[in-house]
Amino acid sequence: MKPLGYLQSQLPAILQDLEAIVRLEAPSHDQAGLARVADWIAQQFAPFGLPERQETPHGPLLRLRLSGTGPRVLVLCHFDTVHPVGAFPQPWRVEGDRAYGPGIYDMKGNIVQLLWALRTNQALGLGWPELELLFTPDEEIGSPSSRPFIEEAARRSQAVLVLEAPMGNGDLKVARKGVGQYRLTALGQPAHQGVEPEKGINAIVELAHQILRVVALQDPVQGTTLGPNVVQGGTTSNVVAASATVEIDLRVWTLAEAERVERALRSLEPVLPGARLQVEGGLNRPPMEPSPASLELFALARRLGAEVGLALGAGRVGGGSDGNFTAALGVPTLDGLGLFGEAAHQLSENIYIPQVPPRIALLSGLLQALSENGHA
């Protein structure tokens, strides 16, 4: 039996596993919820080996190494979600050909996908490469605790598979924008607005000048955007504002663009006499730039996808993932290999059930092919 046929016969059991993990709600800062999901993952993957558990400030991180043939391949999953506990009136429901629940699409459902890819290859006598599986608890908040573990594992790997959700049309992801977070503060001088405003230096006015300079750093042709999306400043309306801040979201396709913007932000000069500026922050996810080796990995996945009825393109997306970290180290990285669905981070988050077996079969076939042919 081929993997797709086997998985289609196992769909009721797959849906049971999906329901089990989705009902274990685990927002990023919910230590108890994260621990329950980690326990479930450890139990389900135990037939393949006992995962190592590392307690971090942001929850438990699990690592499982599986012996195989061929190159060492790192598989990345995260089990934290953006949804507060109870946000969904029903944490699990099936309506028609879709299953709904917190994190089912981004990305607890894809942990079940990996589980069943391994079960399928084991049941059918198919191989997999040397595998290192990482299950992390903090991707939705930037992976502050997991990043060192991810980068350490990537450095000893020849390829990385990221089980984040695919593009909205089902395509895989070969490029992601880098993400930077900056905080620009203007410092002025307080004074009574009615009695002696001339003695003050208005930080809000200074910041207004700087925000226009920040926006001018955007480059639509290069896809570089800067969002001055949160502004705070001043104390009361009758006091000249002594300080004001803006939080800036940076998105870039290339490291060169990130470096250009970084230099420009650090070089900003005050407009008002006596005002001062402070710039904090930086690039927290480098861009995931496609390399020839990662595009070869995509080409392999596309060929395998066609065999199970999936027409896969090479997608580019503005949001970041843990794949940004591994690609920046020069390790061939393929992202968006997860289950197909829609509405990530929304209360209508769901997966499309008819594509569950083909998407698992794609991962199953990719693991087998890498065990035989390497990453090309």
Protein backbone atom coordinates (compact mmCIF):
# COMPACT_ATOMS: atom_id res chain seq x y z
CA MET A 1 0.00 0.00 0.00
CA LYS A 2 1.16 3.50 -0.79
CA PRO A 3 1.32 6.16 1.93
CA LEU A 4 -1.67 8.10 0.61
CA GLY A 5 -3.94 5.09 0.59
CA TYR A 6 -2.78 4.08 4.05
CA LEU A 7 -3.40 7.56 5.42
CA GLN A 8 -6.84 7.79 3.88
CA SER A 9 -7.74 4.56 5.68
CA GLN A 10 -6.42 6.05 8.94
CA LEU A 11 -8.23 9.39 8.69
CA PRO A 12 -10.64 8.75 11.63
CA ALA A 13 -7.66 7.99 13.91
CA ILE A 14 -5.80 11.06 12.63
CA LEU A 15 -8.79 13.25 13.45
CA GLN A 16 -8.92 11.77 16.95
CA ASP A 17 -5.31 12.81 17.50
CA LEU A 18 -6.04 16.24 16.11
CA GLU A 19 -8.93 16.65 18.51
CA ALA A 20 -6.81 15.52 21.46
CA ILE A 21 -4.02 18.06 20.92
CA VAL A 22 -6.31 20.94 19.94
CA ARG A 23 -8.37 20.52 23.11
CA LEU A 24 -5.16 21.06 25.12
CA GLU A 25 -5.24 24.84 24.89
CA ALA A 26 -1.77 26.38 25.20
CA PRO A 27 -1.33 30.13 24.79
CA SER A 28 2.30 31.22 24.73
CA HIS A 29 2.37 32.44 28.35
CA ASP A 30 0.28 29.63 29.85
CA GLN A 31 2.93 27.47 31.52
CA ALA A 32 0.45 24.84 32.70
CA GLY A 33 -1.16 24.55 29.28
CA LEU A 34 2.19 24.29 27.53
CA ALA A 35 3.27 21.58 29.95
CA ARG A 36 0.14 19.54 29.19
CA VAL A 37 0.77 19.71 25.45
CA ALA A 38 4.43 18.76 25.95
CA ASP A 39 3.31 15.74 27.99
CA TRP A 40 0.95 14.69 25.20
CA ILE A 41 3.66 15.05 22.54
CA ALA A 42 6.12 13.03 24.60
CA GLN A 43 3.57 10.27 25.07
CA GLN A 44 2.59 10.09 21.41
CA PHE A 45 6.15 10.10 20.08
CA ALA A 46 7.43 7.68 22.73
CA PRO A 47 7.28 4.66 20.36
CA PHE A 48 10.02 6.37 18.33
CA GLY A 49 12.12 7.32 21.35
CA LEU A 50 11.82 9.26 24.58
CA PRO A 51 12.09 13.01 23.84
CA GLU A 52 14.57 15.04 25.87
CA ARG A 53 12.77 17.74 27.84
CA GLN A 54 14.37 21.11 28.49
CA GLU A 55 12.58 23.48 30.83
CA THR A 56 12.94 27.10 29.67
CA PRO A 57 11.60 30.42 30.98
CA HIS A 58 8.92 30.18 28.30
CA GLY A 59 7.89 26.57 28.76
CA PRO A 60 9.14 23.06 28.04
CA LEU A 61 11.10 22.38 24.86
CA LEU A 62 11.21 18.81 23.53
CA ARG A 63 13.92 17.28 21.35
CA LEU A 64 13.81 13.83 19.79
CA ARG A 65 16.57 12.30 17.69
CA LEU A 66 15.79 9.38 15.39
CA SER A 67 18.37 7.22 13.68
CA GLY A 68 18.02 6.85 9.94
CA THR A 69 19.94 6.85 6.69
CA GLY A 70 21.12 9.84 4.73
CA PRO A 71 21.69 13.43 5.88
CA ARG A 72 20.74 14.89 9.23
CA VAL A 73 17.46 16.75 8.88
CA LEU A 74 15.98 19.11 11.45
CA VAL A 75 12.18 19.29 11.71
CA LEU A 76 10.73 22.32 13.49
CA CYS A 77 7.34 22.49 15.20
CA HIS A 78 5.90 24.79 17.84
CA PHE A 79 2.96 24.09 20.12
CA ASP A 80 2.13 27.50 21.58
CA THR A 81 -0.82 29.44 20.16
CA VAL A 82 -2.03 33.02 20.12
CA HIS A 83 -5.51 32.25 21.45
CA PRO A 84 -6.34 32.81 25.13
CA VAL A 85 -7.89 29.85 26.91
CA GLY A 86 -11.62 29.83 26.27
CA ALA A 87 -11.45 32.12 23.24
CA PHE A 88 -13.19 29.43 21.18
CA PRO A 89 -16.71 28.62 22.43
CA GLN A 90 -15.96 25.08 21.23
CA PRO A 91 -12.26 24.19 21.29
CA TRP A 92 -12.95 21.45 18.74
CA ARG A 93 -15.66 21.11 16.13
CA VAL A 94 -16.09 19.61 12.68
CA GLU A 95 -18.42 21.23 10.20
CA GLY A 96 -18.61 19.83 6.73
CA ASP A 97 -15.10 19.26 5.40
CA ARG A 98 -13.33 21.51 7.92
CA ALA A 99 -12.13 21.03 11.49
CA TYR A 100 -11.91 24.09 13.76
CA GLY A 101 -9.97 24.81 16.93
CA PRO A 102 -7.31 26.99 18.56
CA GLY A 103 -3.95 26.35 16.91
CA ILE A 104 -5.16 23.56 14.64
CA TYR A 105 -3.69 25.37 11.63
CA ASP A 106 -0.89 27.27 13.35
CA MET A 107 0.38 24.81 14.21
CA LYS A 108 -0.57 22.04 16.63
CA GLY A 109 -2.24 20.12 13.84
CA ASN A 110 1.10 19.86 12.10
CA ILE A 111 2.59 18.01 15.07
CA VAL A 112 -0.04 15.35 14.38
CA GLN A 113 1.01 15.51 10.73
CA LEU A 114 4.60 14.70 11.70
CA LEU A 115 3.45 11.95 14.05
CA TRP A 116 1.48 10.26 11.31
CA ALA A 117 4.22 10.68 8.71
CA LEU A 118 6.52 8.72 11.00
CA ARG A 119 3.82 6.15 11.78
CA THR A 120 3.17 5.72 8.06
CA ASN A 121 6.80 5.17 7.15
CA GLN A 122 7.22 2.76 10.03
CA ALA A 123 4.09 0.79 9.11
CA LEU A 124 4.99 0.57 5.42
CA GLY A 125 8.68 -0.12 5.91
CA LEU A 126 9.76 3.21 4.45
CA GLY A 127 12.81 5.09 5.62
CA TRP A 128 13.66 8.48 6.99
CA PRO A 129 16.97 10.36 7.31
CA GLU A 130 18.83 11.08 10.50
CA LEU A 131 16.19 13.20 12.20
CA GLU A 132 16.20 15.77 14.94
CA LEU A 133 12.72 16.91 15.93
CA LEU A 134 12.26 20.11 17.94
CA PHE A 135 8.95 21.02 19.56
CA THR A 136 9.12 24.57 20.91
CA PRO A 137 6.82 26.55 23.27
CA ASP A 138 7.43 30.18 22.29
CA GLU A 139 7.40 30.71 18.51
CA GLU A 140 4.39 33.01 18.63
CA ILE A 141 6.30 35.46 20.85
CA GLY A 142 9.53 35.41 18.83
CA SER A 143 11.19 32.22 20.15
CA PRO A 144 13.24 34.00 22.85
CA SER A 145 14.08 30.76 24.69
CA SER A 146 14.03 28.38 21.74
CA ARG A 147 16.23 30.29 19.31
CA PRO A 148 19.58 29.06 20.75
CA PHE A 149 18.37 25.44 20.59
CA ILE A 150 17.08 25.90 17.05
CA GLU A 151 20.32 27.43 15.82
CA GLU A 152 22.45 24.82 17.58
CA ALA A 153 20.45 22.01 15.95
CA ALA A 154 20.53 23.71 12.54
CA ARG A 155 24.33 23.96 12.60
CA ARG A 156 24.60 20.18 12.75
CA SER A 157 21.93 19.61 10.07
CA GLN A 158 22.06 19.44 6.28
CA ALA A 159 18.44 20.51 5.77
CA VAL A 160 15.55 21.97 7.76
CA LEU A 161 11.85 21.27 7.33
CA VAL A 162 9.49 23.77 8.99
CA LEU A 163 5.95 22.52 9.59
CA GLU A 164 4.32 25.94 9.59
CA ALA A 165 1.11 26.38 7.62
CA PRO A 166 1.39 26.68 3.83
CA MET A 167 0.37 29.73 1.82
CA GLY A 168 -3.31 30.51 1.49
CA ASN A 169 -3.38 28.75 -1.88
CA GLY A 170 -1.48 25.74 -0.53
CA ASP A 171 1.98 26.66 -1.82
CA LEU A 172 5.09 25.97 0.23
CA LYS A 173 7.27 28.81 1.51
CA VAL A 174 10.80 29.40 0.22
CA ALA A 175 11.20 32.99 1.43
CA ARG A 176 10.08 35.00 4.44
CA LYS A 177 10.69 38.58 5.34
CA GLY A 178 13.00 39.41 8.18
CA VAL A 179 11.34 41.09 11.14
CA GLY A 180 12.75 43.95 13.19
CA GLN A 181 11.29 45.73 16.20
CA TYR A 182 12.59 49.19 17.10
CA ARG A 183 11.67 51.75 19.73
CA LEU A 184 12.50 55.37 18.92
CA THR A 185 12.31 57.81 21.83
CA ALA A 186 12.41 61.59 21.57
CA LEU A 187 13.48 63.46 24.71
CA GLY A 188 12.64 67.12 25.19
CA GLN A 189 12.15 69.54 28.08
CA PRO A 190 8.94 69.97 30.11
CA ALA A 191 7.48 73.43 30.71
CA HIS A 192 4.13 75.00 31.54
CA GLN A 193 2.22 75.25 28.29
CA GLY A 194 0.40 78.41 29.35
CA VAL A 195 2.99 80.31 31.39
CA GLU A 196 6.34 79.68 29.68
CA PRO A 197 6.04 77.28 26.73
CA GLU A 198 9.16 78.83 25.18
CA LYS A 199 11.24 77.11 27.86
CA GLY A 200 10.06 73.69 26.76
CA ILE A 201 11.18 71.33 24.01
CA ASN A 202 8.22 69.36 22.75
CA ALA A 203 9.21 65.72 22.34
CA ILE A 204 5.99 64.91 20.48
CA VAL A 205 6.78 67.51 17.83
CA GLU A 206 10.31 66.12 17.56
CA LEU A 207 8.95 62.60 17.22
CA ALA A 208 6.53 63.72 14.52
CA HIS A 209 9.47 64.94 12.44
CA GLN A 210 11.29 61.63 13.00
CA ILE A 211 8.29 59.47 12.10
CA LEU A 212 8.22 61.07 8.65
CA ARG A 213 11.92 60.27 8.28
CA VAL A 214 11.29 56.69 9.35
CA VAL A 215 8.50 56.22 6.81
CA ALA A 216 10.74 57.67 4.11
CA LEU A 217 13.14 54.75 4.64
CA GLN A 218 10.62 52.37 3.09
CA ASP A 219 11.41 50.93 -0.33
CA PRO A 220 8.36 49.52 -2.14
CA VAL A 221 10.50 48.09 -4.93
CA GLN A 222 12.60 46.11 -2.45
CA GLY A 223 9.53 45.25 -0.36
CA THR A 224 10.90 47.06 2.69
CA THR A 225 8.25 48.42 5.06
CA LEU A 226 8.45 50.30 8.33
CA GLY A 227 5.33 50.59 10.43
CA PRO A 228 5.30 53.30 13.12
CA ASN A 229 2.29 51.61 14.66
CA VAL A 230 2.35 52.46 18.37
CA VAL A 231 2.95 56.00 19.66
CA GLN A 232 3.01 57.24 23.26
CA GLY A 233 4.04 60.55 24.75
CA GLY A 234 3.42 63.43 27.08
CA THR A 235 1.76 63.62 30.47
CA THR A 236 -1.05 66.22 30.52
CA SER A 237 -2.28 68.73 27.99
CA ASN A 238 -0.92 71.76 29.85
CA VAL A 239 2.68 70.47 30.03
CA VAL A 240 5.09 70.56 27.10
CA ALA A 241 5.80 66.91 26.35
CA ALA A 242 9.17 65.84 27.74
CA SER A 243 9.25 62.44 26.07
CA ALA A 244 7.53 60.49 23.32
CA THR A 245 8.12 57.07 21.80
CA VAL A 246 7.16 55.17 18.69
CA GLU A 247 7.39 51.43 18.16
CA ILE A 248 8.43 50.54 14.63
CA ASP A 249 7.83 47.24 12.83
CA LEU A 250 10.41 46.53 10.09
CA ARG A 251 9.95 43.92 7.35
CA VAL A 252 12.67 43.18 4.77
CA TRP A 253 13.34 40.51 2.16
CA THR A 254 17.12 40.75 2.38
CA LEU A 255 19.76 41.21 5.05
CA ALA A 256 21.27 44.01 2.99
CA GLU A 257 18.04 46.00 3.32
CA ALA A 258 17.93 45.31 7.05
CA GLU A 259 21.44 46.67 7.42
CA ARG A 260 20.58 49.79 5.39
CA VAL A 261 17.59 50.58 7.57
CA GLU A 262 19.51 49.83 10.75
CA ARG A 263 22.24 52.30 9.80
CA ALA A 264 19.68 54.96 8.93
CA LEU A 265 17.74 54.57 12.17
CA ARG A 266 20.90 54.75 14.25
CA SER A 267 21.94 57.89 12.35
CA LEU A 268 18.78 59.93 12.95
CA GLU A 269 19.51 63.45 14.22
CA PRO A 270 17.14 65.73 16.17
CA VAL A 271 15.33 68.54 14.38
CA LEU A 272 14.48 70.74 17.38
CA PRO A 273 17.39 72.44 19.17
CA GLY A 274 18.08 70.68 22.45
CA ALA A 275 16.06 67.56 21.68
CA ARG A 276 17.65 64.13 21.99
CA LEU A 277 16.94 60.75 20.40
CA GLN A 278 17.32 57.18 21.57
CA VAL A 279 16.99 54.10 19.34
CA GLU A 280 16.53 50.64 20.83
CA GLY A 281 15.83 47.22 19.34
CA GLY A 282 16.94 45.56 16.15
CA LEU A 283 16.34 42.66 13.80
CA ASN A 284 14.86 39.77 15.78
CA ARG A 285 14.26 37.43 12.84
CA PRO A 286 16.68 37.62 9.90
CA PRO A 287 15.13 37.23 6.44
CA MET A 288 14.70 33.72 5.09
CA GLU A 289 16.35 34.16 1.72
CA PRO A 290 16.12 31.27 -0.77
CA SER A 291 19.38 29.58 -1.72
CA PRO A 292 20.08 27.20 -4.61
CA ALA A 293 20.07 24.30 -2.14
CA SER A 294 16.76 25.30 -0.57
CA LEU A 295 15.20 25.65 -4.03
CA GLU A 296 16.42 22.12 -4.84
CA LEU A 297 14.67 20.97 -1.68
CA PHE A 298 11.50 22.71 -2.83
CA ALA A 299 11.77 21.10 -6.28
CA LEU A 300 11.91 17.68 -4.62
CA ALA A 301 8.84 18.48 -2.54
CA ARG A 302 6.99 19.75 -5.61
CA ARG A 303 7.67 16.50 -7.49
CA LEU A 304 6.49 14.45 -4.52
CA GLY A 305 3.44 16.66 -4.09
CA ALA A 306 2.39 16.06 -7.69
CA GLU A 307 2.42 12.31 -6.97
CA VAL A 308 -0.27 12.76 -4.30
CA GLY A 309 -2.34 15.31 -6.20
CA LEU A 310 -0.87 18.53 -4.81
CA ALA A 311 0.20 21.32 -7.19
CA LEU A 312 2.77 23.23 -5.13
CA GLY A 313 4.32 26.59 -5.89
CA ALA A 314 7.17 28.47 -4.25
CA GLY A 315 5.60 31.06 -1.97
CA ARG A 316 7.00 34.21 -0.35
CA VAL A 317 5.43 35.64 2.78
CA GLY A 318 5.93 38.73 4.92
CA GLY A 319 5.62 36.99 8.28
CA GLY A 320 8.52 35.28 10.03
CA SER A 321 9.00 31.80 11.48
CA ASP A 322 11.75 29.78 13.11
CA GLY A 323 12.87 28.96 9.57
CA ASN A 324 14.25 32.49 9.38
CA PHE A 325 16.88 31.54 11.95
CA THR A 326 18.00 28.38 10.18
CA ALA A 327 18.10 29.88 6.67
CA ALA A 328 20.23 32.76 7.96
CA LEU A 329 22.82 30.17 9.02
CA GLY A 330 23.04 28.95 5.44
CA VAL A 331 21.17 25.69 6.04
CA PRO A 332 18.74 24.75 3.23
CA THR A 333 15.30 25.42 4.67
CA LEU A 334 11.83 24.60 3.35
CA ASP A 335 8.84 26.09 5.16
CA GLY A 336 5.06 25.84 4.89
CA LEU A 337 4.94 22.04 4.92
CA GLY A 338 2.03 21.91 7.37
CA LEU A 339 -1.63 21.04 6.92
CA PHE A 340 -3.75 23.11 4.56
CA GLY A 341 -6.38 25.37 6.07
CA GLU A 342 -7.16 29.01 6.68
CA ALA A 343 -7.68 31.80 9.20
CA ALA A 344 -4.51 31.51 11.29
CA HIS A 345 -4.72 33.55 14.52
CA GLN A 346 -8.47 34.00 14.03
CA LEU A 347 -11.45 32.51 15.84
CA SER A 348 -12.37 30.69 12.63
CA GLU A 349 -8.96 28.94 12.37
CA ASN A 350 -9.41 25.60 10.61
CA ILE A 351 -7.93 22.87 8.44
CA TYR A 352 -9.38 21.33 5.30
CA ILE A 353 -9.94 17.66 6.06
CA PRO A 354 -9.78 16.25 2.49
CA GLN A 355 -6.19 17.49 2.22
CA VAL A 356 -5.03 16.00 5.51
CA PRO A 357 -3.95 12.62 4.01
CA PRO A 358 -2.16 14.16 0.99
CA ARG A 359 -0.27 16.67 3.15
CA ILE A 360 0.88 13.94 5.51
CA ALA A 361 1.77 11.77 2.51
CA LEU A 362 3.88 14.63 1.16
CA LEU A 363 5.86 14.79 4.39
CA SER A 364 6.12 11.00 4.49
CA GLY A 365 7.47 10.93 0.95
CA LEU A 366 9.86 13.79 1.61
CA LEU A 367 11.34 11.99 4.61
CA GLN A 368 11.74 8.81 2.57
CA ALA A 369 13.30 10.65 -0.38
CA LEU A 370 15.78 12.46 1.86
CA SER A 371 16.84 9.15 3.35
CA GLU A 372 17.64 7.92 -0.15
CA ASN A 373 18.83 10.97 -2.06
CA GLY A 374 19.92 13.65 0.39
CA HIS A 375 18.43 17.12 -0.04
CA ALA A 376 18.69 17.33 -3.82
